[in-house]
Amino acid sequence: MQVVSGRMDRPVVHFEAPLRDGLESEVDAFLQWFDRSRRDVALDPLLRAGVAHFWLGTLHPFDDGNGRLTRALTDLALAQAEHQAIRFYAMSASILADRAGYYRVLESSQKAGLDITHWLRWFLQTLHDSLLHALERIERVLMNARFWQVHRQIALSTEQTRVLNRLLDGGERGFAHGISAAHYQVVAKVSKATATRHLADLVEKGCLVRLPGGGRSTRYQIPVLVEALGAGATRVHAG
């Protein structure tokens, strides 16, 4: 089996799986190593996960589903390393987020003979990034909880709550640089006048601050998010 790309008449072969002859014994050897290495105190458990991913990915034992199986086994190896019932990150998600880099380093390492140092460096760096992203998500959840704890007794409309949650959730659908009255209209599904009134009310209640700037481009953001971004803000009070 080959993994190829490019034109049909001039394909680029990125990877060629081992011949079927002897594959069963190779898979059996891998499974025995995977089970035995779990108890090998001389082998770093994170390196074990990286080696396991590379080994099974290189064997490529099935016609379909090899990537999913390899990523699942990698997550299993990491879970075994942590001895924890709950994990707050998924290595597989970080791998999928950088498919191009993943296949590039996998291809180059598979052509490098028995030296997979380059692969292990990429694997550990990707694991590090995955952990950082997990910490960011955890901090975001805690920040959201703290925000609503502080403002739990403030009367807010359904539309105001929806907008605040959108700002707190962040991500691709969030407003990292603040929300304008026009954006508020779209998210809350209200008129321009209502959006302006709601924003002024949220500022008065301390839920939002007005960011530097003015006119139609005026934007608003949750105070703690402004602090997190290191941006300045001016709190505006009605009256």
Foldseek 3Di string as FASTA:
>chain_A
DFDWDDDPVDIDTLADADDPVCLVVLVVVLVVCLVVCLPVPVDQLLVSLLVSLLSQLRNVPDPDDSLVVSQVVSQVSVCSNVVDPDDQFGLSVLCVVCVVVNSVLSSVQVVVPPDSVSSSVVSVVSVVVRVVVSVVQVVLVVVVVVLCVVCVPPDDDPLLVQLLVQQSNDDPSHDLPFAFLVNSCVRSVDDSVVSVVRVLVCLQVQQWFWAPDDDRPIGIHGVVSCVVVVGDTDRDHDD
